[in-house]
Amino acid sequence: MRIQARRFANKGYGDAGASWKKRSLKGFKARSGSAQEDIDFSNLTMRQRARMLYMAAPMATSAIKANRTNVVGPGLILSAKVDREVLGMTPEQAEQWQRTTEKEFALWADNRTACDAIGLNDFYELQQLALMSWLVSGDVFCLFKGGARSQSNPYDLCLHLIEADRVATPTTWKATGLSLTEGKNTKTGNYIHDGVEVDSSGRVVAYHIRSTYPFELTLKEADWTRIEATGKETGMPNILQIFDAERPDQYRGVSYLAQVIEPLLQVRRYTEAEITAAMIESCFAGFITTEARPDEMPMNETGEVEPDEPSDPNEFSYGAGEFNTLKPGEGITFVDPKRPSSGFPAFTRSIAELIGAALEIPADILLKAFNASYSASRGALLEAWKGFRMRRQWFAKDFCKPVYETWLCEAVAIGRIQAPGFFADPRIRKAYSGSEWTGPSQGQLDPIKEITAEALAVQHGFSTHEQSTARLNGGSWQNNIEKLKQEQQQMKELTGGEGTA
């Protein structure tokens, strides 16, 4: 039996990645628990580190802003898409309803005092803010509020973005033991996972929002507000959680930078060390030995930093062409740092490639350095856009579409939009509520080649004019042809001819 057990242990993965006998794997003692143990317990630390890297590490800043610029850019634009078959509309009727609804939505979305609860951002700027907060912090929450109606705004709906730190388990309900994030609602009996309350089946039923940040310096006393996930009567969401789940039973998001925090920090330290060494080597400074009295101000001493703070006699200014004093018998030894290192660019590029692979952003995009051939640069751009498009679809589904559907409900309810049967049948409401969200286009490395390819795709039915226009420049083909029609008419009137296409 002992021999059989040993043979069994060495079979399959037991003799590969799960082996405890191979020298290379003996010290690899991986431990994993539930999604709450592996994620929620570490989220506070990851958020703080990810934010610091975003603020202080250029490569991290580039990763977040590259997503911001390419996923939403100046903001995703609404294209209303009704289901004509369900609603029994003609193409002309559907087009007219869609254009009317888009213009009405812009009345609310363009007004920052209408759509933003704090009155600082319009809907498109809120998209940028929500996306960046989602990527850096792991998730972001959007609370639907009312009270925004005014003479210039007929809508009551407004949005309040809540940062990840403020959704937390109330301290009075936290469980004892090792968990600092889990708790139990003593009124409902539901468990709370880092501010997210779930029922006995694991379904999210409410969120607990803290009035202050965990480390905020304030005299305000922290209290919590419980927000139900959906309205009991309407079934509409009261609050949105924008995040990307990576494990089943996961209730909180993970920072986009989580897997590359360590290499980003090391690259930042390495870069700072190289810059410091290069600065020291570039300075040609001298030191003077003197018999100066101890109560006299020596040459180049840094002096008082603050009126009440005396200068440090051992602190001197060191810069190009400067001279400093030393006491008798003291000397200084210069170390030749041999910086900047000739291998610095290649090493940094290699690390950028590893970081970019984890973030789905090729090093060319991450470093904004297109030094390779056209084919290589285009390949990098296409690969990056796979991730950008995926995140755009996620973001539109989690944020833009629910906001639009909530706005449309109010617009129909107050009579600003005509939609017969909207509240009578969920199928009809869904048919009216369809939408697509257009964002910035991929960009072109060789416009002639790429426009020719799109023209051929349209010619052979692989694409539509509308789809190709959106891919090439993010525009609207319908708006383009209407504008072209006007321009041709104007040219005809000016030239007295047939105009030009």
Protein backbone atom coordinates (compact mmCIF):
# COMPACT_ATOMS: atom_id res chain seq x y z
CA MET A 1 0.00 0.00 0.00
CA ARG A 2 2.86 2.39 0.79
CA ILE A 3 4.43 1.73 -2.65
CA GLN A 4 1.06 2.25 -4.37
CA ALA A 5 0.50 5.51 -2.52
CA ARG A 6 3.91 6.81 -3.53
CA ARG A 7 3.28 5.86 -7.14
CA PHE A 8 -0.11 7.56 -7.08
CA ALA A 9 1.37 10.77 -5.65
CA ASN A 10 3.84 10.96 -8.53
CA LYS A 11 1.28 10.61 -11.30
CA GLY A 12 -0.04 13.36 -13.54
CA TYR A 13 0.16 16.81 -11.98
CA GLY A 14 1.62 15.18 -8.88
CA ASP A 15 4.82 14.77 -10.86
CA ALA A 16 4.46 18.22 -12.48
CA GLY A 17 3.12 21.45 -11.04
CA ALA A 18 1.74 19.76 -7.91
CA SER A 19 4.96 17.93 -7.01
CA TRP A 20 6.36 18.36 -3.50
CA LYS A 21 9.55 16.42 -4.30
CA LYS A 22 11.12 18.47 -7.08
CA ARG A 23 13.73 20.88 -5.78
CA SER A 24 12.30 23.76 -7.78
CA LEU A 25 8.83 23.31 -6.23
CA LYS A 26 9.60 22.31 -2.62
CA GLY A 27 9.57 25.88 -1.42
CA PHE A 28 6.55 26.87 -3.50
CA LYS A 29 3.86 26.64 -0.84
CA ALA A 30 0.86 28.36 -2.37
CA ARG A 31 -2.21 28.93 -0.23
CA SER A 32 -5.60 30.04 -1.52
CA GLY A 33 -8.94 30.47 0.19
CA SER A 34 -12.33 31.85 -0.70
CA ALA A 35 -12.75 34.93 -2.88
CA GLN A 36 -13.40 36.96 0.27
CA GLU A 37 -10.21 35.71 1.96
CA ASP A 38 -8.01 36.19 -1.08
CA ILE A 39 -9.50 39.50 -2.26
CA ASP A 40 -11.47 41.38 0.39
CA PHE A 41 -8.86 41.00 3.13
CA SER A 42 -6.17 42.46 0.84
CA ASN A 43 -8.19 45.05 -1.05
CA LEU A 44 -7.46 47.99 1.23
CA THR A 45 -3.71 47.52 0.84
CA MET A 46 -3.94 46.99 -2.92
CA ARG A 47 -6.05 50.14 -3.41
CA GLN A 48 -3.60 52.32 -1.51
CA ARG A 49 -0.60 50.93 -3.39
CA ALA A 50 -2.31 51.12 -6.79
CA ARG A 51 -3.24 54.77 -6.21
CA MET A 52 0.27 55.65 -5.12
CA LEU A 53 1.72 53.98 -8.22
CA TYR A 54 -0.78 55.82 -10.42
CA MET A 55 0.34 59.08 -8.86
CA ALA A 56 4.08 58.36 -8.80
CA ALA A 57 4.99 55.65 -11.34
CA PRO A 58 4.84 56.84 -14.99
CA MET A 59 4.25 53.34 -16.36
CA ALA A 60 1.24 52.85 -14.08
CA THR A 61 -0.10 56.28 -15.04
CA SER A 62 0.28 55.39 -18.70
CA ALA A 63 -1.62 52.11 -18.28
CA ILE A 64 -4.61 53.79 -16.62
CA LYS A 65 -4.73 56.79 -18.95
CA ALA A 66 -4.29 54.64 -22.06
CA ASN A 67 -7.47 52.81 -21.03
CA ARG A 68 -9.24 56.08 -20.22
CA THR A 69 -8.36 57.60 -23.60
CA ASN A 70 -9.17 54.55 -25.72
CA VAL A 71 -12.09 52.98 -23.85
CA VAL A 72 -14.22 56.11 -23.32
CA GLY A 73 -12.15 59.05 -24.59
CA PRO A 74 -14.27 62.21 -24.41
CA GLY A 75 -17.24 59.98 -23.55
CA LEU A 76 -19.31 57.17 -25.08
CA ILE A 77 -22.11 58.58 -27.23
CA LEU A 78 -25.62 57.14 -27.18
CA SER A 79 -27.07 55.49 -30.29
CA ALA A 80 -30.66 54.49 -29.46
CA LYS A 81 -31.61 51.15 -31.07
CA VAL A 82 -35.25 50.09 -30.84
CA ASP A 83 -36.55 46.67 -31.82
CA ARG A 84 -38.79 47.59 -34.76
CA GLU A 85 -40.29 44.12 -35.11
CA VAL A 86 -41.57 44.02 -31.54
CA LEU A 87 -42.84 47.60 -31.67
CA GLY A 88 -44.30 47.35 -35.18
CA MET A 89 -42.47 50.44 -36.43
CA THR A 90 -41.45 51.23 -39.97
CA PRO A 91 -37.76 52.03 -40.54
CA GLU A 92 -38.64 55.72 -40.86
CA GLN A 93 -40.63 55.73 -37.62
CA ALA A 94 -37.87 53.92 -35.76
CA GLU A 95 -35.23 56.32 -37.07
CA GLN A 96 -37.31 59.34 -36.06
CA TRP A 97 -37.94 57.98 -32.55
CA GLN A 98 -34.27 57.18 -32.07
CA ARG A 99 -33.06 60.62 -33.17
CA THR A 100 -35.65 62.36 -30.97
CA THR A 101 -34.62 60.27 -27.96
CA GLU A 102 -30.91 60.90 -28.52
CA LYS A 103 -31.47 64.66 -28.60
CA GLU A 104 -33.62 64.50 -25.48
CA PHE A 105 -30.99 62.42 -23.66
CA ALA A 106 -28.33 65.00 -24.59
CA LEU A 107 -30.45 67.66 -22.86
CA TRP A 108 -29.82 65.82 -19.58
CA ALA A 109 -26.37 64.34 -20.27
CA ASP A 110 -24.74 67.62 -21.34
CA ASN A 111 -25.94 69.44 -18.21
CA ARG A 112 -23.48 68.89 -15.36
CA THR A 113 -25.81 70.40 -12.76
CA ALA A 114 -28.51 67.99 -13.90
CA CYS A 115 -26.79 64.61 -14.13
CA ASP A 116 -24.09 64.97 -11.45
CA ALA A 117 -25.27 65.03 -7.84
CA ILE A 118 -22.35 67.30 -6.87
CA GLY A 119 -22.73 69.45 -10.00
CA LEU A 120 -19.17 69.20 -11.33
CA ASN A 121 -19.26 66.76 -14.26
CA ASP A 122 -21.54 66.04 -17.18
CA PHE A 123 -22.40 62.46 -18.06
CA TYR A 124 -19.41 62.02 -20.36
CA GLU A 125 -16.97 63.30 -17.74
CA LEU A 126 -18.60 60.99 -15.19
CA GLN A 127 -17.78 58.12 -17.55
CA GLN A 128 -14.08 59.03 -17.47
CA LEU A 129 -14.11 59.36 -13.70
CA ALA A 130 -15.96 56.08 -13.18
CA LEU A 131 -13.67 54.14 -15.52
CA MET A 132 -10.46 55.40 -13.92
CA SER A 133 -11.80 54.76 -10.42
CA TRP A 134 -12.83 51.25 -11.44
CA LEU A 135 -9.39 50.46 -12.85
CA VAL A 136 -7.37 51.92 -9.97
CA SER A 137 -9.56 50.90 -7.01
CA GLY A 138 -11.07 47.68 -8.35
CA ASP A 139 -14.65 48.89 -8.39
CA VAL A 140 -16.73 52.06 -8.23
CA PHE A 141 -20.36 52.63 -7.30
CA CYS A 142 -22.97 54.91 -8.86
CA LEU A 143 -25.87 55.93 -6.64
CA PHE A 144 -29.11 57.07 -8.31
CA LYS A 145 -30.44 60.17 -6.59
CA GLY A 146 -33.26 62.63 -7.15
CA GLY A 147 -33.79 66.34 -6.70
CA ALA A 148 -32.01 67.73 -9.76
CA ARG A 149 -35.11 69.14 -11.49
CA SER A 150 -34.97 72.85 -12.33
CA GLN A 151 -36.19 75.32 -14.95
CA SER A 152 -33.39 74.29 -17.30
CA ASN A 153 -33.66 70.57 -16.48
CA PRO A 154 -36.97 68.68 -16.52
CA TYR A 155 -35.42 65.51 -15.05
CA ASP A 156 -35.17 64.52 -11.41
CA LEU A 157 -32.48 61.85 -11.90
CA CYS A 158 -28.87 62.58 -10.96
CA LEU A 159 -25.83 60.38 -10.36
CA HIS A 160 -23.44 60.25 -7.42
CA LEU A 161 -20.20 58.31 -7.86
CA ILE A 162 -19.03 56.55 -4.68
CA GLU A 163 -15.38 55.52 -4.38
CA ALA A 164 -14.56 51.94 -3.37
CA ASP A 165 -13.25 52.86 0.11
CA ARG A 166 -16.61 54.20 1.24
CA VAL A 167 -18.44 50.90 0.70
CA ALA A 168 -17.50 48.96 3.83
CA THR A 169 -18.96 46.77 6.53
CA PRO A 170 -20.29 48.83 9.47
CA THR A 171 -17.94 48.51 12.43
CA THR A 172 -20.78 47.63 14.80
CA TRP A 173 -21.66 44.62 12.66
CA LYS A 174 -18.18 43.29 11.90
CA ALA A 175 -17.60 39.68 12.82
CA THR A 176 -15.06 38.80 15.44
CA GLY A 177 -11.99 36.75 14.61
CA LEU A 178 -9.57 37.11 11.72
CA SER A 179 -11.94 38.83 9.30
CA LEU A 180 -11.87 42.62 9.31
CA THR A 181 -14.24 42.98 6.37
CA GLU A 182 -17.02 40.47 6.95
CA GLY A 183 -20.02 41.07 9.18
CA LYS A 184 -23.66 40.22 9.73
CA ASN A 185 -26.68 42.48 9.54
CA THR A 186 -28.36 41.88 12.88
CA LYS A 187 -31.68 43.18 11.50
CA THR A 188 -31.92 40.98 8.40
CA GLY A 189 -29.57 38.13 9.28
CA ASN A 190 -27.71 38.62 6.00
CA TYR A 191 -23.93 38.45 5.80
CA ILE A 192 -21.94 41.49 4.67
CA HIS A 193 -18.78 41.07 2.60
CA ASP A 194 -16.74 44.30 2.68
CA GLY A 195 -19.87 46.45 2.53
CA VAL A 196 -21.85 44.22 0.16
CA GLU A 197 -24.83 42.57 1.84
CA VAL A 198 -25.98 39.21 0.44
CA ASP A 199 -28.93 37.01 1.31
CA SER A 200 -28.84 33.30 2.18
CA SER A 201 -28.63 32.37 -1.52
CA GLY A 202 -25.64 34.65 -2.10
CA ARG A 203 -27.58 37.30 -4.04
CA VAL A 204 -26.57 40.94 -3.50
CA VAL A 205 -29.42 42.77 -1.77
CA ALA A 206 -27.84 45.96 -0.40
CA TYR A 207 -24.71 48.09 -0.08
CA HIS A 208 -23.46 49.87 3.04
CA ILE A 209 -21.96 53.30 2.31
CA ARG A 210 -19.73 54.98 4.84
CA SER A 211 -19.97 58.76 5.28
CA THR A 212 -16.18 59.19 5.58
CA TYR A 213 -13.03 57.57 4.21
CA PRO A 214 -11.21 55.04 6.43
CA PHE A 215 -8.15 57.28 6.98
CA GLU A 216 -9.77 60.67 6.49
CA LEU A 217 -8.63 63.41 8.87
CA THR A 218 -11.95 64.84 9.94
CA LEU A 219 -14.00 65.67 12.99
CA LYS A 220 -17.06 64.04 11.43
CA GLU A 221 -18.20 60.82 13.02
CA ALA A 222 -18.41 57.89 10.62
CA ASP A 223 -21.83 56.44 10.02
CA TRP A 224 -23.26 54.09 7.38
CA THR A 225 -26.25 54.25 5.04
CA ARG A 226 -27.81 51.05 3.77
CA ILE A 227 -28.86 51.26 0.11
CA GLU A 228 -30.94 48.43 -1.32
CA ALA A 229 -29.59 47.16 -4.63
CA THR A 230 -32.95 47.47 -6.40
CA GLY A 231 -36.24 49.18 -5.71
CA LYS A 232 -38.88 46.86 -4.28
CA GLU A 233 -41.72 48.30 -6.35
CA THR A 234 -39.98 49.19 -9.60
CA GLY A 235 -37.26 46.54 -9.77
CA MET A 236 -34.95 49.25 -11.09
CA PRO A 237 -31.41 49.57 -9.66
CA ASN A 238 -30.83 52.05 -6.86
CA ILE A 239 -27.07 51.73 -7.11
CA LEU A 240 -24.64 50.33 -9.68
CA GLN A 241 -21.42 48.48 -8.97
CA ILE A 242 -18.91 48.65 -11.81
CA PHE A 243 -16.27 45.94 -11.50
CA ASP A 244 -14.73 42.98 -13.29
CA ALA A 245 -15.19 39.69 -11.44
CA GLU A 246 -12.38 37.15 -11.73
CA ARG A 247 -13.75 34.45 -9.40
CA PRO A 248 -17.18 32.98 -8.57
CA ASP A 249 -18.76 34.30 -5.35
CA GLN A 250 -16.68 37.47 -5.65
CA TYR A 251 -18.42 40.61 -4.40
CA ARG A 252 -15.66 43.23 -4.61
CA GLY A 253 -13.35 44.11 -7.48
CA VAL A 254 -9.57 43.94 -7.74
CA SER A 255 -7.40 46.80 -8.93
CA TYR A 256 -6.37 46.60 -12.59
CA LEU A 257 -2.77 47.05 -11.40
CA ALA A 258 -2.92 44.36 -8.71
CA GLN A 259 -0.83 41.74 -10.52
CA VAL A 260 1.91 44.21 -11.46
CA ILE A 261 2.22 46.29 -8.29
CA GLU A 262 5.62 44.83 -7.38
CA PRO A 263 7.33 45.21 -10.80
CA LEU A 264 5.88 48.72 -11.19
CA LEU A 265 7.30 49.71 -7.81
CA GLN A 266 10.70 48.19 -8.62
CA VAL A 267 10.86 49.95 -11.99
CA ARG A 268 10.01 53.23 -10.29
CA ARG A 269 12.78 52.72 -7.72
CA TYR A 270 15.26 51.67 -10.40
CA THR A 271 14.41 54.72 -12.51
CA GLU A 272 14.78 57.06 -9.54
CA ALA A 273 18.14 55.49 -8.66
CA GLU A 274 19.38 55.96 -12.23
CA ILE A 275 18.23 59.59 -12.29
CA THR A 276 19.84 60.31 -8.92
CA ALA A 277 23.11 58.66 -9.95
CA ALA A 278 23.14 60.58 -13.23
CA MET A 279 22.51 63.86 -11.41
CA ILE A 280 25.33 63.20 -8.94
CA GLU A 281 27.73 62.32 -11.71
CA SER A 282 26.81 65.46 -13.65
CA CYS A 283 27.75 67.73 -10.73
CA PHE A 284 31.33 68.97 -10.32
CA ALA A 285 31.51 70.15 -6.73
CA GLY A 286 34.37 70.90 -4.36
CA PHE A 287 34.89 70.88 -0.60
CA ILE A 288 36.99 73.39 1.38
CA THR A 289 38.72 72.52 4.65
CA THR A 290 38.63 75.49 7.04
CA GLU A 291 39.36 76.49 10.62
CA ALA A 292 36.10 78.44 10.87
CA ARG A 293 34.66 79.11 14.28
CA PRO A 294 31.78 76.73 15.21
CA ASP A 295 29.34 79.63 15.70
CA GLU A 296 29.83 80.96 12.17
CA MET A 297 27.64 80.05 9.21
CA PRO A 298 29.74 77.84 6.92
CA MET A 299 29.67 78.27 3.18
CA ASN A 300 26.69 76.63 1.44
CA GLU A 301 24.99 75.40 4.57
CA THR A 302 21.33 74.87 3.68
CA GLY A 303 20.14 77.49 6.19
CA GLU A 304 16.80 77.65 7.97
CA VAL A 305 13.97 75.78 6.32
CA GLU A 306 11.30 77.27 8.58
CA PRO A 307 11.54 80.35 10.83
CA ASP A 308 11.33 78.24 13.97
CA GLU A 309 13.62 75.43 12.75
CA PRO A 310 17.41 75.83 13.12
CA SER A 311 19.67 74.72 10.28
CA ASP A 312 21.41 71.37 10.40
CA PRO A 313 25.22 71.89 10.61
CA ASN A 314 25.77 68.54 8.91
CA GLU A 315 23.52 69.28 5.94
CA PHE A 316 25.04 71.00 2.91
CA SER A 317 23.92 71.91 -0.57
CA TYR A 318 25.44 69.77 -3.30
CA GLY A 319 25.10 70.95 -6.89
CA ALA A 320 26.96 71.80 -10.04
CA GLY A 321 29.82 74.25 -9.45
CA GLU A 322 29.23 74.53 -5.69
CA PHE A 323 31.78 74.47 -2.86
CA ASN A 324 31.15 73.25 0.66
CA THR A 325 33.16 73.53 3.85
CA LEU A 326 34.54 70.64 5.87
CA LYS A 327 36.04 70.55 9.32
CA PRO A 328 39.82 70.09 9.69
CA GLY A 329 40.81 66.52 9.03
CA GLU A 330 37.58 65.67 7.18
CA GLY A 331 37.56 64.58 3.57
CA ILE A 332 35.21 63.14 0.97
CA THR A 333 35.52 60.18 -1.36
CA PHE A 334 33.79 60.24 -4.73
CA VAL A 335 32.32 57.03 -6.14
CA ASP A 336 32.11 56.73 -9.89
CA PRO A 337 28.52 55.52 -10.46
CA LYS A 338 28.98 54.82 -14.20
CA ARG A 339 25.51 56.17 -14.84
CA PRO A 340 23.27 56.26 -16.67
CA SER A 341 23.69 52.57 -17.35
CA SER A 342 23.88 51.56 -20.98
CA GLY A 343 21.50 48.69 -20.23
CA PHE A 344 18.81 50.89 -18.70
CA PRO A 345 16.65 51.34 -21.87
CA ALA A 346 16.73 47.65 -22.80
CA PHE A 347 16.00 46.49 -19.25
CA THR A 348 13.13 48.95 -18.83
CA ARG A 349 11.69 47.88 -22.16
CA SER A 350 11.82 44.22 -21.12
CA ILE A 351 9.98 44.93 -17.87
CA ALA A 352 7.45 47.06 -19.78
CA GLU A 353 6.76 44.09 -22.05
CA LEU A 354 6.09 41.84 -19.03
CA ILE A 355 3.86 44.44 -17.37
CA GLY A 356 2.09 45.14 -20.65
CA ALA A 357 1.42 41.43 -21.18
CA ALA A 358 -0.30 41.23 -17.79
CA LEU A 359 -2.34 44.40 -18.45
CA GLU A 360 -3.15 43.50 -22.08
CA ILE A 361 -1.35 46.62 -23.28
CA PRO A 362 1.69 46.00 -25.53
CA ALA A 363 4.86 47.83 -24.55
CA ASP A 364 4.58 50.07 -27.64
CA ILE A 365 1.26 51.44 -26.31
CA LEU A 366 2.40 51.48 -22.69
CA LEU A 367 5.56 53.48 -23.46
CA LYS A 368 4.03 55.45 -26.38
CA ALA A 369 7.06 54.43 -28.44
CA PHE A 370 6.40 53.13 -31.95
CA ASN A 371 9.91 52.37 -33.16
CA ALA A 372 9.23 49.05 -34.89
CA SER A 373 7.98 48.32 -38.40
CA TYR A 374 4.48 49.13 -39.62
CA SER A 375 3.40 45.51 -39.26
CA ALA A 376 4.74 45.22 -35.70
CA SER A 377 3.22 48.54 -34.61
CA ARG A 378 -0.13 47.68 -36.18
CA GLY A 379 -0.05 44.26 -34.50
CA ALA A 380 0.54 45.94 -31.12
CA LEU A 381 -2.29 48.38 -31.74
CA LEU A 382 -4.71 45.63 -32.77
CA GLU A 383 -3.81 43.54 -29.72
CA ALA A 384 -4.32 46.48 -27.38
CA TRP A 385 -7.69 47.24 -28.92
CA LYS A 386 -8.96 43.76 -28.13
CA GLY A 387 -8.73 44.68 -24.47
CA PHE A 388 -10.01 48.23 -24.97
CA ARG A 389 -13.12 47.02 -26.82
CA MET A 390 -13.82 44.37 -24.20
CA ARG A 391 -13.59 46.91 -21.38
CA ARG A 392 -15.77 49.34 -23.35
CA GLN A 393 -18.49 46.70 -23.67
CA TRP A 394 -18.25 45.88 -19.98
CA PHE A 395 -18.36 49.52 -18.99
CA ALA A 396 -21.27 50.32 -21.29
CA LYS A 397 -23.19 47.33 -19.95
CA ASP A 398 -22.48 48.08 -16.27
CA PHE A 399 -22.77 51.88 -16.34
CA CYS A 400 -24.02 53.57 -19.51
CA LYS A 401 -26.94 51.26 -20.35
CA PRO A 402 -28.45 51.11 -16.83
CA VAL A 403 -28.20 54.91 -16.57
CA TYR A 404 -29.88 55.34 -19.97
CA GLU A 405 -32.66 52.89 -19.13
CA THR A 406 -33.34 54.64 -15.82
CA TRP A 407 -33.39 58.03 -17.56
CA LEU A 408 -35.71 56.68 -20.28
CA CYS A 409 -38.18 55.44 -17.66
CA GLU A 410 -38.41 58.94 -16.22
CA ALA A 411 -38.59 60.55 -19.68
CA VAL A 412 -41.55 58.33 -20.63
CA ALA A 413 -43.21 58.77 -17.22
CA ILE A 414 -43.21 62.58 -17.45
CA GLY A 415 -44.29 62.56 -21.10
CA ARG A 416 -41.06 63.88 -22.66
CA ILE A 417 -40.73 60.69 -24.75
CA GLN A 418 -43.69 58.88 -26.30
CA ALA A 419 -43.46 55.10 -25.88
CA PRO A 420 -46.88 53.37 -25.87
CA GLY A 421 -47.00 50.24 -23.73
CA PHE A 422 -43.63 51.02 -22.09
CA PHE A 423 -44.77 50.30 -18.53
CA ALA A 424 -47.38 47.68 -19.46
CA ASP A 425 -45.11 44.97 -20.85
CA PRO A 426 -41.44 44.23 -19.96
CA ARG A 427 -40.90 43.00 -23.53
CA ILE A 428 -42.03 46.33 -24.96
CA ARG A 429 -39.89 48.24 -22.46
CA LYS A 430 -36.86 46.19 -23.51
CA ALA A 431 -37.63 46.88 -27.18
CA TYR A 432 -37.61 50.63 -26.52
CA SER A 433 -34.55 50.54 -24.26
CA GLY A 434 -31.98 49.14 -26.68
CA SER A 435 -28.81 51.18 -27.09
CA GLU A 436 -25.30 51.16 -28.50
CA TRP A 437 -22.47 53.30 -27.19
CA THR A 438 -19.92 54.71 -29.63
CA GLY A 439 -16.47 55.73 -28.45
CA PRO A 440 -13.12 56.75 -29.93
CA SER A 441 -11.92 54.81 -32.93
CA GLN A 442 -8.84 52.62 -33.05
CA GLY A 443 -6.69 55.09 -34.94
CA GLN A 444 -4.77 54.55 -38.15
CA LEU A 445 -1.11 53.93 -38.79
CA ASP A 446 -1.59 53.94 -42.58
CA PRO A 447 -4.93 55.65 -43.44
CA ILE A 448 -4.88 54.69 -47.14
CA LYS A 449 -4.52 50.98 -46.43
CA GLU A 450 -7.09 50.93 -43.65
CA ILE A 451 -9.72 53.01 -45.46
CA THR A 452 -9.30 50.80 -48.54
CA ALA A 453 -9.80 47.70 -46.39
CA GLU A 454 -13.00 49.12 -44.87
CA ALA A 455 -14.33 50.10 -48.31
CA LEU A 456 -13.77 46.55 -49.56
CA ALA A 457 -15.47 45.14 -46.44
CA VAL A 458 -18.55 47.28 -47.12
CA GLN A 459 -18.52 46.42 -50.81
CA HIS A 460 -18.59 42.67 -50.13
CA GLY A 461 -21.05 42.83 -47.23
CA PHE A 462 -18.57 42.06 -44.44
CA SER A 463 -19.39 45.39 -42.79
CA THR A 464 -21.93 48.22 -42.99
CA HIS A 465 -21.27 51.87 -43.71
CA GLU A 466 -22.27 52.66 -40.14
CA GLN A 467 -19.91 50.08 -38.62
CA SER A 468 -16.97 51.08 -40.81
CA THR A 469 -17.48 54.78 -40.08
CA ALA A 470 -17.48 54.08 -36.34
CA ARG A 471 -14.28 52.02 -36.62
CA LEU A 472 -12.43 54.57 -38.75
CA ASN A 473 -13.18 57.79 -36.87
CA GLY A 474 -15.94 57.14 -34.38
CA GLY A 475 -18.38 59.21 -36.43
CA SER A 476 -21.97 58.67 -37.56
CA TRP A 477 -22.52 57.56 -41.15
CA GLN A 478 -26.12 58.83 -41.07
CA ASN A 479 -24.99 62.29 -40.00
CA ASN A 480 -22.24 62.23 -42.61
CA ILE A 481 -24.51 61.50 -45.56
CA GLU A 482 -27.00 64.15 -44.44
CA LYS A 483 -24.19 66.70 -44.21
CA LEU A 484 -22.82 65.62 -47.60
CA LYS A 485 -26.27 66.06 -49.12
CA GLN A 486 -26.42 69.63 -47.78
CA GLU A 487 -22.90 70.39 -49.01
CA GLN A 488 -23.66 69.04 -52.50
CA GLN A 489 -26.77 71.20 -52.69
CA GLN A 490 -24.75 74.25 -51.63
CA MET A 491 -22.07 73.49 -54.23
CA LYS A 492 -24.75 73.10 -56.89
CA GLU A 493 -26.21 76.51 -56.01
CA LEU A 494 -22.78 78.16 -56.03
CA THR A 495 -21.49 76.63 -59.27
CA GLY A 496 -24.75 76.26 -61.13
CA GLY A 497 -23.72 72.70 -61.92
CA GLU A 498 -24.48 69.27 -60.58
CA GLY A 499 -22.27 69.57 -57.48
CA THR A 500 -19.60 67.13 -56.48
CA ALA A 501 -19.83 63.88 -54.58
